[in-house]
N, C-alpha and C. Protein backbone atom coordinates (compact mmCIF):
# COMPACT_ATOMS: atom_id res chain seq x y z
N MET A 1 120.97 124.47 -35.72
CA MET A 1 120.32 125.76 -35.60
C MET A 1 118.86 125.59 -35.16
N MET A 2 118.16 124.70 -35.84
CA MET A 2 116.75 124.52 -35.51
C MET A 2 116.57 123.92 -34.13
N LYS A 3 117.48 123.02 -33.74
CA LYS A 3 117.39 122.41 -32.41
C LYS A 3 117.56 123.46 -31.33
N GLU A 4 118.45 124.44 -31.57
CA GLU A 4 118.66 125.51 -30.59
C GLU A 4 117.41 126.37 -30.44
N VAL A 5 116.74 126.63 -31.56
CA VAL A 5 115.51 127.42 -31.51
C VAL A 5 114.44 126.68 -30.72
N VAL A 6 114.30 125.38 -30.98
CA VAL A 6 113.30 124.58 -30.27
C VAL A 6 113.62 124.52 -28.78
N ARG A 7 114.90 124.37 -28.44
CA ARG A 7 115.27 124.36 -27.03
C ARG A 7 114.97 125.70 -26.37
N GLY A 8 115.20 126.79 -27.09
CA GLY A 8 114.90 128.12 -26.56
C GLY A 8 113.42 128.31 -26.31
N ILE A 9 112.61 127.78 -27.20
CA ILE A 9 111.17 127.89 -27.03
C ILE A 9 110.72 127.05 -25.83
N GLU A 10 111.30 125.87 -25.70
CA GLU A 10 110.92 125.00 -24.59
C GLU A 10 111.31 125.60 -23.25
N SER A 11 112.44 126.31 -23.19
CA SER A 11 112.87 126.90 -21.92
C SER A 11 112.03 128.12 -21.55
N GLY A 12 111.32 128.68 -22.52
CA GLY A 12 110.41 129.77 -22.22
C GLY A 12 110.94 131.14 -22.57
N ALA A 13 112.24 131.28 -22.79
CA ALA A 13 112.81 132.60 -23.07
C ALA A 13 112.28 133.17 -24.38
N LEU A 14 112.33 132.38 -25.45
CA LEU A 14 111.84 132.87 -26.73
C LEU A 14 110.31 132.99 -26.73
N GLY A 15 109.65 132.14 -25.99
CA GLY A 15 108.20 132.24 -25.88
C GLY A 15 107.77 133.54 -25.24
N VAL A 16 108.48 133.94 -24.21
CA VAL A 16 108.14 135.19 -23.52
C VAL A 16 108.44 136.38 -24.43
N VAL A 17 109.57 136.35 -25.13
CA VAL A 17 109.92 137.44 -26.05
C VAL A 17 108.89 137.53 -27.16
N GLY A 18 108.49 136.39 -27.70
CA GLY A 18 107.47 136.39 -28.75
C GLY A 18 106.14 136.92 -28.26
N LEU A 19 105.76 136.54 -27.06
CA LEU A 19 104.50 137.02 -26.49
C LEU A 19 104.54 138.53 -26.28
N ILE A 20 105.64 139.03 -25.76
CA ILE A 20 105.78 140.47 -25.55
C ILE A 20 105.74 141.22 -26.88
N ALA A 21 106.43 140.68 -27.90
CA ALA A 21 106.42 141.32 -29.22
C ALA A 21 105.01 141.33 -29.81
N PHE A 22 104.28 140.23 -29.65
CA PHE A 22 102.92 140.17 -30.17
C PHE A 22 102.01 141.17 -29.47
N VAL A 23 102.08 141.22 -28.15
CA VAL A 23 101.22 142.14 -27.38
C VAL A 23 101.56 143.58 -27.74
N LEU A 24 102.83 143.89 -27.89
CA LEU A 24 103.25 145.24 -28.24
C LEU A 24 102.73 145.62 -29.64
N ALA A 25 102.91 144.73 -30.60
CA ALA A 25 102.43 145.01 -31.96
C ALA A 25 100.91 145.16 -31.98
N PHE A 26 100.21 144.29 -31.29
CA PHE A 26 98.75 144.37 -31.24
C PHE A 26 98.29 145.68 -30.61
N SER A 27 98.95 146.08 -29.54
CA SER A 27 98.59 147.33 -28.86
C SER A 27 98.83 148.53 -29.76
N LEU A 28 99.96 148.54 -30.47
CA LEU A 28 100.26 149.65 -31.37
C LEU A 28 99.25 149.73 -32.52
N ILE A 29 98.84 148.58 -33.02
CA ILE A 29 97.82 148.58 -34.08
C ILE A 29 96.50 149.13 -33.56
N LEU A 30 96.11 148.73 -32.36
CA LEU A 30 94.87 149.26 -31.77
C LEU A 30 94.93 150.76 -31.57
N VAL A 31 96.06 151.26 -31.08
CA VAL A 31 96.22 152.70 -30.88
C VAL A 31 96.11 153.41 -32.22
N TYR A 32 96.74 152.87 -33.25
CA TYR A 32 96.68 153.48 -34.58
C TYR A 32 95.25 153.52 -35.10
N VAL A 33 94.54 152.43 -34.95
CA VAL A 33 93.17 152.36 -35.47
C VAL A 33 92.24 153.33 -34.73
N PHE A 34 92.36 153.40 -33.41
CA PHE A 34 91.47 154.26 -32.66
C PHE A 34 91.80 155.74 -32.80
N ARG A 35 93.00 156.06 -33.26
CA ARG A 35 93.37 157.46 -33.45
C ARG A 35 93.10 157.95 -34.87
N MET A 36 92.64 157.07 -35.76
CA MET A 36 92.36 157.46 -37.13
C MET A 36 91.17 158.41 -37.19
N ARG A 37 91.23 159.34 -38.14
CA ARG A 37 90.09 160.22 -38.36
C ARG A 37 88.96 159.44 -39.04
N LYS A 38 87.75 159.93 -38.88
CA LYS A 38 86.60 159.22 -39.45
C LYS A 38 86.70 159.13 -40.96
N SER A 39 87.19 160.17 -41.61
CA SER A 39 87.31 160.13 -43.07
C SER A 39 88.33 159.07 -43.50
N ASP A 40 89.41 158.91 -42.74
CA ASP A 40 90.40 157.88 -43.06
C ASP A 40 89.83 156.48 -42.87
N ARG A 41 89.02 156.30 -41.82
CA ARG A 41 88.39 154.99 -41.60
C ARG A 41 87.44 154.65 -42.73
N THR A 42 86.67 155.65 -43.20
CA THR A 42 85.73 155.42 -44.28
C THR A 42 86.47 155.06 -45.56
N THR A 43 87.56 155.76 -45.82
CA THR A 43 88.37 155.45 -47.00
C THR A 43 88.94 154.04 -46.92
N ALA A 44 89.47 153.68 -45.76
CA ALA A 44 90.05 152.34 -45.58
C ALA A 44 88.97 151.26 -45.68
N LYS A 45 87.79 151.56 -45.17
CA LYS A 45 86.70 150.58 -45.20
C LYS A 45 86.28 150.28 -46.63
N ASN A 46 86.30 151.28 -47.51
CA ASN A 46 85.83 151.11 -48.88
C ASN A 46 86.93 150.73 -49.85
N MET A 47 88.16 150.66 -49.42
CA MET A 47 89.27 150.36 -50.32
C MET A 47 89.12 149.04 -51.06
N PRO A 48 88.78 147.95 -50.41
CA PRO A 48 88.69 146.70 -51.17
C PRO A 48 87.66 146.76 -52.29
N LEU A 49 86.56 147.46 -52.08
CA LEU A 49 85.54 147.55 -53.11
C LEU A 49 86.01 148.41 -54.27
N GLU A 50 86.74 149.50 -53.97
CA GLU A 50 87.24 150.35 -55.03
C GLU A 50 88.32 149.65 -55.84
N ASP A 51 89.21 148.94 -55.18
CA ASP A 51 90.31 148.27 -55.87
C ASP A 51 89.83 147.08 -56.67
N ASP A 52 88.75 146.43 -56.25
CA ASP A 52 88.26 145.25 -56.95
C ASP A 52 87.84 145.61 -58.37
N LEU A 53 87.16 146.74 -58.54
CA LEU A 53 86.72 147.16 -59.87
C LEU A 53 87.93 147.49 -60.73
N GLN A 54 88.92 148.17 -60.17
CA GLN A 54 90.12 148.51 -60.93
C GLN A 54 90.89 147.25 -61.31
N ALA A 55 91.03 146.30 -60.42
CA ALA A 55 91.74 145.06 -60.71
C ALA A 55 91.00 144.28 -61.79
N HIS A 56 89.68 144.27 -61.72
CA HIS A 56 88.89 143.55 -62.72
C HIS A 56 89.10 144.17 -64.11
N ASN A 57 89.12 145.49 -64.16
CA ASN A 57 89.32 146.17 -65.44
C ASN A 57 90.72 145.90 -65.98
N LEU A 58 91.71 145.85 -65.12
CA LEU A 58 93.08 145.60 -65.57
C LEU A 58 93.23 144.18 -66.10
N MET A 59 92.57 143.22 -65.46
CA MET A 59 92.69 141.83 -65.88
C MET A 59 92.00 141.59 -67.23
N ASN A 60 90.94 142.33 -67.49
CA ASN A 60 90.19 142.15 -68.73
C ASN A 60 90.70 143.06 -69.85
N GLY A 61 91.69 143.88 -69.56
CA GLY A 61 92.25 144.76 -70.60
C GLY A 61 91.40 145.97 -70.88
N ASP A 62 90.50 146.31 -69.98
CA ASP A 62 89.62 147.49 -70.20
C ASP A 62 90.35 148.76 -69.85
C-alpha cells in the first residue's frame, strides 16, 4: 500500500492533486477571512485571550 502511494507521488499524479487541493483550501480560507465582518474579526482576534483566563480558572478550580 505504502509503495503504491510513493510511486503515485513520484509519477506526479498525487502531487498535482495535493497541490490543487492545497491551493483550493487556501483560497477558500482567504475568501472567508476577507468576507468576515469587522465585529467578527475583532471577536476572533480576542478569543485566545478570553479563553486563556477561563482555562486558567478551570484548571485551578476557581
